[in-house]
Amino acid sequence: MTSGTNRIFDDFARLMTDAAGAAQGVRKEVETAFQSQAERFLNSMDVVKREEFEAVREMAARARDENEALKARLDVLEAKLASQQS
């Protein structure tokens, strides 16, 4: 009787392991399908990707810094010109 009970438990454990593996496979398929749909939806909305946003933000920051440096040089040159004309 003990070996019969052990066999039932072994079969049940194997069945549960197989079911868990199948559930994990289904979960991965659902995640992949959801990601594909989400990506398709975002592409149709013309949403900017994070990497592109960060690159443009960095370019804007550099342009702002350059503008400030040029303004400072212009202020110095204007001050020199004004002092020469006086």
PDB file of N, CA and C in Angstrom:
ATOM      1  N   MET A   1       0.816  -1.188   0.000  1.00  0.00           N
ATOM      2  CA  MET A   1       0.000   0.000   0.000  1.00  0.00           C
ATOM      3  C   MET A   1       0.860   1.252   0.000  1.00  0.00           C
ATOM      4  N   THR A   2       2.004   1.172   0.682  1.00  0.00           N
ATOM      5  CA  THR A   2       2.876   2.335   0.779  1.00  0.00           C
ATOM      6  C   THR A   2       3.433   2.700  -0.591  1.00  0.00           C
ATOM      7  N   SER A   3       3.838   1.690  -1.364  1.00  0.00           N
ATOM      8  CA  SER A   3       4.408   1.979  -2.678  1.00  0.00           C
ATOM      9  C   SER A   3       3.339   2.538  -3.609  1.00  0.00           C
ATOM     10  N   GLY A   4       2.101   2.097  -3.464  1.00  0.00           N
ATOM     11  CA  GLY A   4       1.003   2.631  -4.271  1.00  0.00           C
ATOM     12  C   GLY A   4       0.728   4.085  -3.932  1.00  0.00           C
ATOM     13  N   THR A   5       0.771   4.416  -2.646  1.00  0.00           N
ATOM     14  CA  THR A   5       0.557   5.792  -2.203  1.00  0.00           C
ATOM     15  C   THR A   5       1.695   6.683  -2.688  1.00  0.00           C
ATOM     16  N   ASN A   6       2.927   6.162  -2.577  1.00  0.00           N
ATOM     17  CA  ASN A   6       4.085   6.936  -3.056  1.00  0.00           C
ATOM     18  C   ASN A   6       3.987   7.198  -4.558  1.00  0.00           C
ATOM     19  N   ARG A   7       3.512   6.205  -5.288  1.00  0.00           N
ATOM     20  CA  ARG A   7       3.393   6.369  -6.737  1.00  0.00           C
ATOM     21  C   ARG A   7       2.356   7.429  -7.064  1.00  0.00           C
ATOM     22  N   ILE A   8       1.260   7.441  -6.332  1.00  0.00           N
ATOM     23  CA  ILE A   8       0.217   8.453  -6.551  1.00  0.00           C
ATOM     24  C   ILE A   8       0.792   9.841  -6.268  1.00  0.00           C
ATOM     25  N   PHE A   9       1.531   9.960  -5.161  1.00  0.00           N
ATOM     26  CA  PHE A   9       2.129  11.256  -4.839  1.00  0.00           C
ATOM     27  C   PHE A   9       3.168  11.665  -5.893  1.00  0.00           C
ATOM     28  N   ASP A  10       3.953  10.683  -6.370  1.00  0.00           N
ATOM     29  CA  ASP A  10       4.940  10.979  -7.418  1.00  0.00           C
ATOM     30  C   ASP A  10       4.254  11.446  -8.702  1.00  0.00           C
ATOM     31  N   ASP A  11       3.195  10.752  -9.065  1.00  0.00           N
ATOM     32  CA  ASP A  11       2.449  11.150 -10.268  1.00  0.00           C
ATOM     33  C   ASP A  11       1.832  12.537 -10.094  1.00  0.00           C
ATOM     34  N   PHE A  12       1.293  12.786  -8.905  1.00  0.00           N
ATOM     35  CA  PHE A  12       0.694  14.088  -8.629  1.00  0.00           C
ATOM     36  C   PHE A  12       1.755  15.195  -8.664  1.00  0.00           C
ATOM     37  N   ALA A  13       2.921  14.931  -8.098  1.00  0.00           N
ATOM     38  CA  ALA A  13       4.009  15.913  -8.100  1.00  0.00           C
ATOM     39  C   ALA A  13       4.474  16.185  -9.531  1.00  0.00           C
ATOM     40  N   ARG A  14       4.593  15.140 -10.331  1.00  0.00           N
ATOM     41  CA  ARG A  14       4.994  15.298 -11.730  1.00  0.00           C
ATOM     42  C   ARG A  14       3.944  16.104 -12.491  1.00  0.00           C
ATOM     43  N   LEU A  15       2.679  15.836 -12.236  1.00  0.00           N
ATOM     44  CA  LEU A  15       1.591  16.570 -12.879  1.00  0.00           C
ATOM     45  C   LEU A  15       1.645  18.052 -12.493  1.00  0.00           C
ATOM     46  N   MET A  16       1.884  18.353 -11.240  1.00  0.00           N
ATOM     47  CA  MET A  16       1.976  19.744 -10.778  1.00  0.00           C
ATOM     48  C   MET A  16       3.182  20.451 -11.393  1.00  0.00           C
ATOM     49  N   THR A  17       4.296  19.731 -11.517  1.00  0.00           N
ATOM     50  CA  THR A  17       5.499  20.303 -12.132  1.00  0.00           C
ATOM     51  C   THR A  17       5.240  20.632 -13.600  1.00  0.00           C
ATOM     52  N   ASP A  18       4.591  19.700 -14.289  1.00  0.00           N
ATOM     53  CA  ASP A  18       4.256  19.936 -15.698  1.00  0.00           C
ATOM     54  C   ASP A  18       3.290  21.106 -15.837  1.00  0.00           C
ATOM     55  N   ALA A  19       2.321  21.190 -14.951  1.00  0.00           N
ATOM     56  CA  ALA A  19       1.345  22.281 -14.996  1.00  0.00           C
ATOM     57  C   ALA A  19       2.030  23.626 -14.736  1.00  0.00           C
ATOM     58  N   ALA A  20       2.964  23.641 -13.796  1.00  0.00           N
ATOM     59  CA  ALA A  20       3.689  24.883 -13.502  1.00  0.00           C
ATOM     60  C   ALA A  20       4.527  25.300 -14.711  1.00  0.00           C
ATOM     61  N   GLY A  21       5.156  24.359 -15.370  1.00  0.00           N
ATOM     62  CA  GLY A  21       5.938  24.669 -16.573  1.00  0.00           C
ATOM     63  C   GLY A  21       5.061  25.201 -17.686  1.00  0.00           C
ATOM     64  N   ALA A  22       3.887  24.579 -17.865  1.00  0.00           N
ATOM     65  CA  ALA A  22       2.952  25.044 -18.895  1.00  0.00           C
ATOM     66  C   ALA A  22       2.452  26.449 -18.564  1.00  0.00           C
ATOM     67  N   ALA A  23       2.160  26.703 -17.295  1.00  0.00           N
ATOM     68  CA  ALA A  23       1.687  28.030 -16.887  1.00  0.00           C
ATOM     69  C   ALA A  23       2.766  29.073 -17.121  1.00  0.00           C
ATOM     70  N   GLN A  24       4.006  28.728 -16.865  1.00  0.00           N
ATOM     71  CA  GLN A  24       5.109  29.659 -17.090  1.00  0.00           C
ATOM     72  C   GLN A  24       5.259  29.960 -18.589  1.00  0.00           C
ATOM     73  N   GLY A  25       5.097  28.952 -19.418  1.00  0.00           N
ATOM     74  CA  GLY A  25       5.163  29.152 -20.869  1.00  0.00           C
ATOM     75  C   GLY A  25       4.055  30.066 -21.360  1.00  0.00           C
ATOM     76  N   VAL A  26       2.855  29.858 -20.839  1.00  0.00           N
ATOM     77  CA  VAL A  26       1.717  30.713 -21.209  1.00  0.00           C
ATOM     78  C   VAL A  26       1.976  32.137 -20.740  1.00  0.00           C
ATOM     79  N   ARG A  27       2.520  32.282 -19.549  1.00  0.00           N
ATOM     80  CA  ARG A  27       2.819  33.614 -19.005  1.00  0.00           C
ATOM     81  C   ARG A  27       3.792  34.358 -19.912  1.00  0.00           C
ATOM     82  N   LYS A  28       4.841  33.670 -20.370  1.00  0.00           N
ATOM     83  CA  LYS A  28       5.823  34.300 -21.255  1.00  0.00           C
ATOM     84  C   LYS A  28       5.179  34.698 -22.580  1.00  0.00           C
ATOM     85  N   GLU A  29       4.311  33.860 -23.105  1.00  0.00           N
ATOM     86  CA  GLU A  29       3.625  34.180 -24.358  1.00  0.00           C
ATOM     87  C   GLU A  29       2.741  35.406 -24.195  1.00  0.00           C
ATOM     88  N   VAL A  30       2.024  35.478 -23.078  1.00  0.00           N
ATOM     89  CA  VAL A  30       1.151  36.624 -22.825  1.00  0.00           C
ATOM     90  C   VAL A  30       1.985  37.889 -22.672  1.00  0.00           C
ATOM     91  N   GLU A  31       3.095  37.819 -21.951  1.00  0.00           N
ATOM     92  CA  GLU A  31       3.959  38.994 -21.791  1.00  0.00           C
ATOM     93  C   GLU A  31       4.494  39.464 -23.134  1.00  0.00           C
ATOM     94  N   THR A  32       4.934  38.532 -23.970  1.00  0.00           N
ATOM     95  CA  THR A  32       5.463  38.886 -25.281  1.00  0.00           C
ATOM     96  C   THR A  32       4.380  39.532 -26.144  1.00  0.00           C
ATOM     97  N   ALA A  33       3.201  38.964 -26.125  1.00  0.00           N
ATOM     98  CA  ALA A  33       2.096  39.519 -26.903  1.00  0.00           C
ATOM     99  C   ALA A  33       1.732  40.911 -26.397  1.00  0.00           C
ATOM    100  N   PHE A  34       1.694  41.084 -25.089  1.00  0.00           N
ATOM    101  CA  PHE A  34       1.364  42.389 -24.516  1.00  0.00           C
ATOM    102  C   PHE A  34       2.426  43.424 -24.888  1.00  0.00           C
ATOM    103  N   GLN A  35       3.703  43.050 -24.790  1.00  0.00           N
ATOM    104  CA  GLN A  35       4.772  43.986 -25.144  1.00  0.00           C
ATOM    105  C   GLN A  35       4.684  44.379 -26.613  1.00  0.00           C
ATOM    106  N   SER A  36       4.389  43.426 -27.468  1.00  0.00           N
ATOM    107  CA  SER A  36       4.258  43.726 -28.892  1.00  0.00           C
ATOM    108  C   SER A  36       3.103  44.687 -29.137  1.00  0.00           C
ATOM    109  N   GLN A  37       1.973  44.434 -28.504  1.00  0.00           N
ATOM    110  CA  GLN A  37       0.814  45.317 -28.660  1.00  0.00           C
ATOM    111  C   GLN A  37       1.112  46.709 -28.111  1.00  0.00           C
ATOM    112  N   ALA A  38       1.757  46.777 -26.945  1.00  0.00           N
ATOM    113  CA  ALA A  38       2.075  48.070 -26.342  1.00  0.00           C
ATOM    114  C   ALA A  38       3.040  48.844 -27.237  1.00  0.00           C
ATOM    115  N   GLU A  39       4.048  48.163 -27.767  1.00  0.00           N
ATOM    116  CA  GLU A  39       5.005  48.820 -28.651  1.00  0.00           C
ATOM    117  C   GLU A  39       4.315  49.312 -29.921  1.00  0.00           C
ATOM    118  N   ARG A  40       3.449  48.499 -30.491  1.00  0.00           N
ATOM    119  CA  ARG A  40       2.704  48.890 -31.692  1.00  0.00           C
ATOM    120  C   ARG A  40       1.825  50.104 -31.393  1.00  0.00           C
ATOM    121  N   PHE A  41       1.178  50.105 -30.239  1.00  0.00           N
ATOM    122  CA  PHE A  41       0.314  51.217 -29.843  1.00  0.00           C
ATOM    123  C   PHE A  41       1.123  52.495 -29.678  1.00  0.00           C
ATOM    124  N   LEU A  42       2.265  52.411 -28.982  1.00  0.00           N
ATOM    125  CA  LEU A  42       3.104  53.599 -28.775  1.00  0.00           C
ATOM    126  C   LEU A  42       3.685  54.108 -30.088  1.00  0.00           C
ATOM    127  N   ASN A  43       4.052  53.202 -30.977  1.00  0.00           N
ATOM    128  CA  ASN A  43       4.553  53.630 -32.285  1.00  0.00           C
ATOM    129  C   ASN A  43       3.479  54.343 -33.085  1.00  0.00           C
ATOM    130  N   SER A  44       2.256  53.890 -32.978  1.00  0.00           N
ATOM    131  CA  SER A  44       1.164  54.542 -33.710  1.00  0.00           C
ATOM    132  C   SER A  44       0.856  55.915 -33.133  1.00  0.00           C
ATOM    133  N   MET A  45       1.181  56.127 -31.855  1.00  0.00           N
ATOM    134  CA  MET A  45       0.935  57.424 -31.227  1.00  0.00           C
ATOM    135  C   MET A  45       2.107  58.382 -31.447  1.00  0.00           C
ATOM    136  N   ASP A  46       3.169  57.925 -32.083  1.00  0.00           N
ATOM    137  CA  ASP A  46       4.338  58.758 -32.351  1.00  0.00           C
ATOM    138  C   ASP A  46       4.988  59.239 -31.061  1.00  0.00           C
ATOM    139  N   VAL A  47       5.076  58.363 -30.084  1.00  0.00           N
ATOM    140  CA  VAL A  47       5.703  58.681 -28.801  1.00  0.00           C
ATOM    141  C   VAL A  47       7.221  58.551 -28.953  1.00  0.00           C
ATOM    142  N   VAL A  48       7.947  59.497 -28.384  1.00  0.00           N
ATOM    143  CA  VAL A  48       9.401  59.506 -28.472  1.00  0.00           C
ATOM    144  C   VAL A  48       9.970  58.491 -27.488  1.00  0.00           C
ATOM    145  N   LYS A  49      10.993  57.761 -27.932  1.00  0.00           N
ATOM    146  CA  LYS A  49      11.646  56.802 -27.045  1.00  0.00           C
ATOM    147  C   LYS A  49      12.516  57.541 -26.041  1.00  0.00           C
ATOM    148  N   ARG A  50      12.749  56.931 -24.922  1.00  0.00           N
ATOM    149  CA  ARG A  50      13.508  57.549 -23.833  1.00  0.00           C
ATOM    150  C   ARG A  50      14.918  57.948 -24.287  1.00  0.00           C
ATOM    151  N   GLU A  51      15.581  57.076 -25.047  1.00  0.00           N
ATOM    152  CA  GLU A  51      16.932  57.360 -25.502  1.00  0.00           C
ATOM    153  C   GLU A  51      16.970  58.602 -26.388  1.00  0.00           C
ATOM    154  N   GLU A  52      15.973  58.720 -27.279  1.00  0.00           N
ATOM    155  CA  GLU A  52      15.907  59.888 -28.159  1.00  0.00           C
ATOM    156  C   GLU A  52      15.655  61.154 -27.346  1.00  0.00           C
ATOM    157  N   PHE A  53      14.769  61.066 -26.370  1.00  0.00           N
ATOM    158  CA  PHE A  53      14.472  62.217 -25.520  1.00  0.00           C
ATOM    159  C   PHE A  53      15.724  62.661 -24.778  1.00  0.00           C
ATOM    160  N   GLU A  54      16.458  61.713 -24.205  1.00  0.00           N
ATOM    161  CA  GLU A  54      17.672  62.047 -23.459  1.00  0.00           C
ATOM    162  C   GLU A  54      18.715  62.688 -24.377  1.00  0.00           C
ATOM    163  N   ALA A  55      18.845  62.195 -25.611  1.00  0.00           N
ATOM    164  CA  ALA A  55      19.820  62.757 -26.554  1.00  0.00           C
ATOM    165  C   ALA A  55      19.471  64.199 -26.900  1.00  0.00           C
ATOM    166  N   VAL A  56      18.198  64.467 -27.165  1.00  0.00           N
ATOM    167  CA  VAL A  56      17.775  65.827 -27.502  1.00  0.00           C
ATOM    168  C   VAL A  56      17.918  66.743 -26.290  1.00  0.00           C
ATOM    169  N   ARG A  57      17.612  66.246 -25.117  1.00  0.00           N
ATOM    170  CA  ARG A  57      17.766  67.057 -23.911  1.00  0.00           C
ATOM    171  C   ARG A  57      19.229  67.438 -23.699  1.00  0.00           C
ATOM    172  N   GLU A  58      20.135  66.499 -23.936  1.00  0.00           N
ATOM    173  CA  GLU A  58      21.569  66.776 -23.812  1.00  0.00           C
ATOM    174  C   GLU A  58      22.001  67.815 -24.845  1.00  0.00           C
ATOM    175  N   MET A  59      21.504  67.693 -26.075  1.00  0.00           N
ATOM    176  CA  MET A  59      21.840  68.675 -27.105  1.00  0.00           C
ATOM    177  C   MET A  59      21.345  70.064 -26.710  1.00  0.00           C
ATOM    178  N   ALA A  60      20.150  70.146 -26.165  1.00  0.00           N
ATOM    179  CA  ALA A  60      19.590  71.437 -25.737  1.00  0.00           C
ATOM    180  C   ALA A  60      20.416  72.032 -24.600  1.00  0.00           C
ATOM    181  N   ALA A  61      20.854  71.215 -23.678  1.00  0.00           N
ATOM    182  CA  ALA A  61      21.668  71.706 -22.565  1.00  0.00           C
ATOM    183  C   ALA A  61      23.000  72.249 -23.085  1.00  0.00           C
ATOM    184  N   ARG A  62      23.621  71.549 -24.026  1.00  0.00           N
ATOM    185  CA  ARG A  62      24.881  72.037 -24.609  1.00  0.00           C
ATOM    186  C   ARG A  62      24.666  73.337 -25.368  1.00  0.00           C
ATOM    187  N   ALA A  63      23.566  73.428 -26.117  1.00  0.00           N
ATOM    188  CA  ALA A  63      23.269  74.662 -26.865  1.00  0.00           C
ATOM    189  C   ALA A  63      23.036  75.822 -25.900  1.00  0.00           C
ATOM    190  N   ARG A  64      22.350  75.564 -24.802  1.00  0.00           N
ATOM    191  CA  ARG A  64      22.109  76.602 -23.798  1.00  0.00           C
ATOM    192  C   ARG A  64      23.427  77.082 -23.202  1.00  0.00           C
ATOM    193  N   ASP A  65      24.316  76.156 -22.877  1.00  0.00           N
ATOM    194  CA  ASP A  65      25.631  76.517 -22.333  1.00  0.00           C
ATOM    195  C   ASP A  65      26.424  77.346 -23.338  1.00  0.00           C
ATOM    196  N   GLU A  66      26.374  76.926 -24.590  1.00  0.00           N
ATOM    197  CA  GLU A  66      27.098  77.654 -25.631  1.00  0.00           C
ATOM    198  C   GLU A  66      26.523  79.060 -25.802  1.00  0.00           C
ATOM    199  N   ASN A  67      25.206  79.188 -25.765  1.00  0.00           N
ATOM    200  CA  ASN A  67      24.570  80.509 -25.880  1.00  0.00           C
ATOM    201  C   ASN A  67      24.985  81.417 -24.728  1.00  0.00           C
ATOM    202  N   GLU A  68      25.053  80.868 -23.527  1.00  0.00           N
ATOM    203  CA  GLU A  68      25.459  81.669 -22.373  1.00  0.00           C
ATOM    204  C   GLU A  68      26.907  82.128 -22.520  1.00  0.00           C
ATOM    205  N   ALA A  69      27.772  81.255 -23.016  1.00  0.00           N
ATOM    206  CA  ALA A  69      29.176  81.622 -23.221  1.00  0.00           C
ATOM    207  C   ALA A  69      29.295  82.703 -24.298  1.00  0.00           C
ATOM    208  N   LEU A  70      28.531  82.544 -25.371  1.00  0.00           N
ATOM    209  CA  LEU A  70      28.568  83.556 -26.430  1.00  0.00           C
ATOM    210  C   LEU A  70      28.021  84.890 -25.948  1.00  0.00           C
ATOM    211  N   LYS A  71      26.987  84.870 -25.132  1.00  0.00           N
ATOM    212  CA  LYS A  71      26.428  86.106 -24.583  1.00  0.00           C
ATOM    213  C   LYS A  71      27.455  86.803 -23.701  1.00  0.00           C
ATOM    214  N   ALA A  72      28.170  86.031 -22.903  1.00  0.00           N
ATOM    215  CA  ALA A  72      29.199  86.619 -22.043  1.00  0.00           C
ATOM    216  C   ALA A  72      30.294  87.264 -22.895  1.00  0.00           C
ATOM    217  N   ARG A  73      30.725  86.602 -23.964  1.00  0.00           N
ATOM    218  CA  ARG A  73      31.737  87.192 -24.864  1.00  0.00           C
ATOM    219  C   ARG A  73      31.204  88.453 -25.526  1.00  0.00           C
ATOM    220  N   LEU A  74      29.953  88.426 -25.943  1.00  0.00           N
ATOM    221  CA  LEU A  74      29.342  89.589 -26.587  1.00  0.00           C
ATOM    222  C   LEU A  74      29.271  90.765 -25.615  1.00  0.00           C
ATOM    223  N   ASP A  75      28.909  90.485 -24.366  1.00  0.00           N
ATOM    224  CA  ASP A  75      28.855  91.544 -23.351  1.00  0.00           C
ATOM    225  C   ASP A  75      30.227  92.180 -23.165  1.00  0.00           C
ATOM    226  N   VAL A  76      31.284  91.370 -23.133  1.00  0.00           N
ATOM    227  CA  VAL A  76      32.651  91.881 -22.981  1.00  0.00           C
ATOM    228  C   VAL A  76      33.021  92.744 -24.184  1.00  0.00           C
ATOM    229  N   LEU A  77      32.738  92.258 -25.384  1.00  0.00           N
ATOM    230  CA  LEU A  77      33.063  93.015 -26.599  1.00  0.00           C
ATOM    231  C   LEU A  77      32.287  94.331 -26.662  1.00  0.00           C
ATOM    232  N   GLU A  78      31.000  94.301 -26.291  1.00  0.00           N
ATOM    233  CA  GLU A  78      30.201  95.531 -26.285  1.00  0.00           C
ATOM    234  C   GLU A  78      30.738  96.536 -25.265  1.00  0.00           C
ATOM    235  N   ALA A  79      31.170  96.026 -24.120  1.00  0.00           N
ATOM    236  CA  ALA A  79      31.732  96.908 -23.095  1.00  0.00           C
ATOM    237  C   ALA A  79      33.024  97.539 -23.589  1.00  0.00           C
ATOM    238  N   LYS A  80      33.877  96.761 -24.281  1.00  0.00           N
ATOM    239  CA  LYS A  80      35.120  97.304 -24.837  1.00  0.00           C
ATOM    240  C   LYS A  80      34.814  98.372 -25.888  1.00  0.00           C
ATOM    241  N   LEU A  81      33.861  98.102 -26.735  1.00  0.00           N
ATOM    242  CA  LEU A  81      33.483  99.036 -27.796  1.00  0.00           C
ATOM    243  C   LEU A  81      32.934 100.320 -27.194  1.00  0.00           C
ATOM    244  N   ALA A  82      32.116 100.172 -26.169  1.00  0.00           N
ATOM    245  CA  ALA A  82      31.534 101.356 -25.523  1.00  0.00           C
ATOM    246  C   ALA A  82      32.621 102.198 -24.855  1.00  0.00           C
ATOM    247  N   SER A  83      33.612 101.541 -24.259  1.00  0.00           N
ATOM    248  CA  SER A  83      34.690 102.295 -23.583  1.00  0.00           C
ATOM    249  C   SER A  83      35.610 102.972 -24.598  1.00  0.00           C
ATOM    250  N   GLN A  84      35.752 102.398 -25.791  1.00  0.00           N
ATOM    251  CA  GLN A  84      36.584 103.000 -26.829  1.00  0.00           C
ATOM    252  C   GLN A  84      35.895 104.214 -27.456  1.00  0.00           C
ATOM    253  N   GLN A  85      34.568 104.195 -27.493  1.00  0.00           N
ATOM    254  CA  GLN A  85      33.817 105.286 -28.094  1.00  0.00           C
ATOM    255  C   GLN A  85      33.670 106.468 -27.136  1.00  0.00           C
ATOM    256  N   SER A  86      33.869 106.259 -25.869  1.00  0.00           N
ATOM    257  CA  SER A  86      33.691 107.345 -24.897  1.00  0.00           C
ATOM    258  C   SER A  86      34.872 108.237 -24.782  1.00  0.00           C
TER     259      SER A  86
END
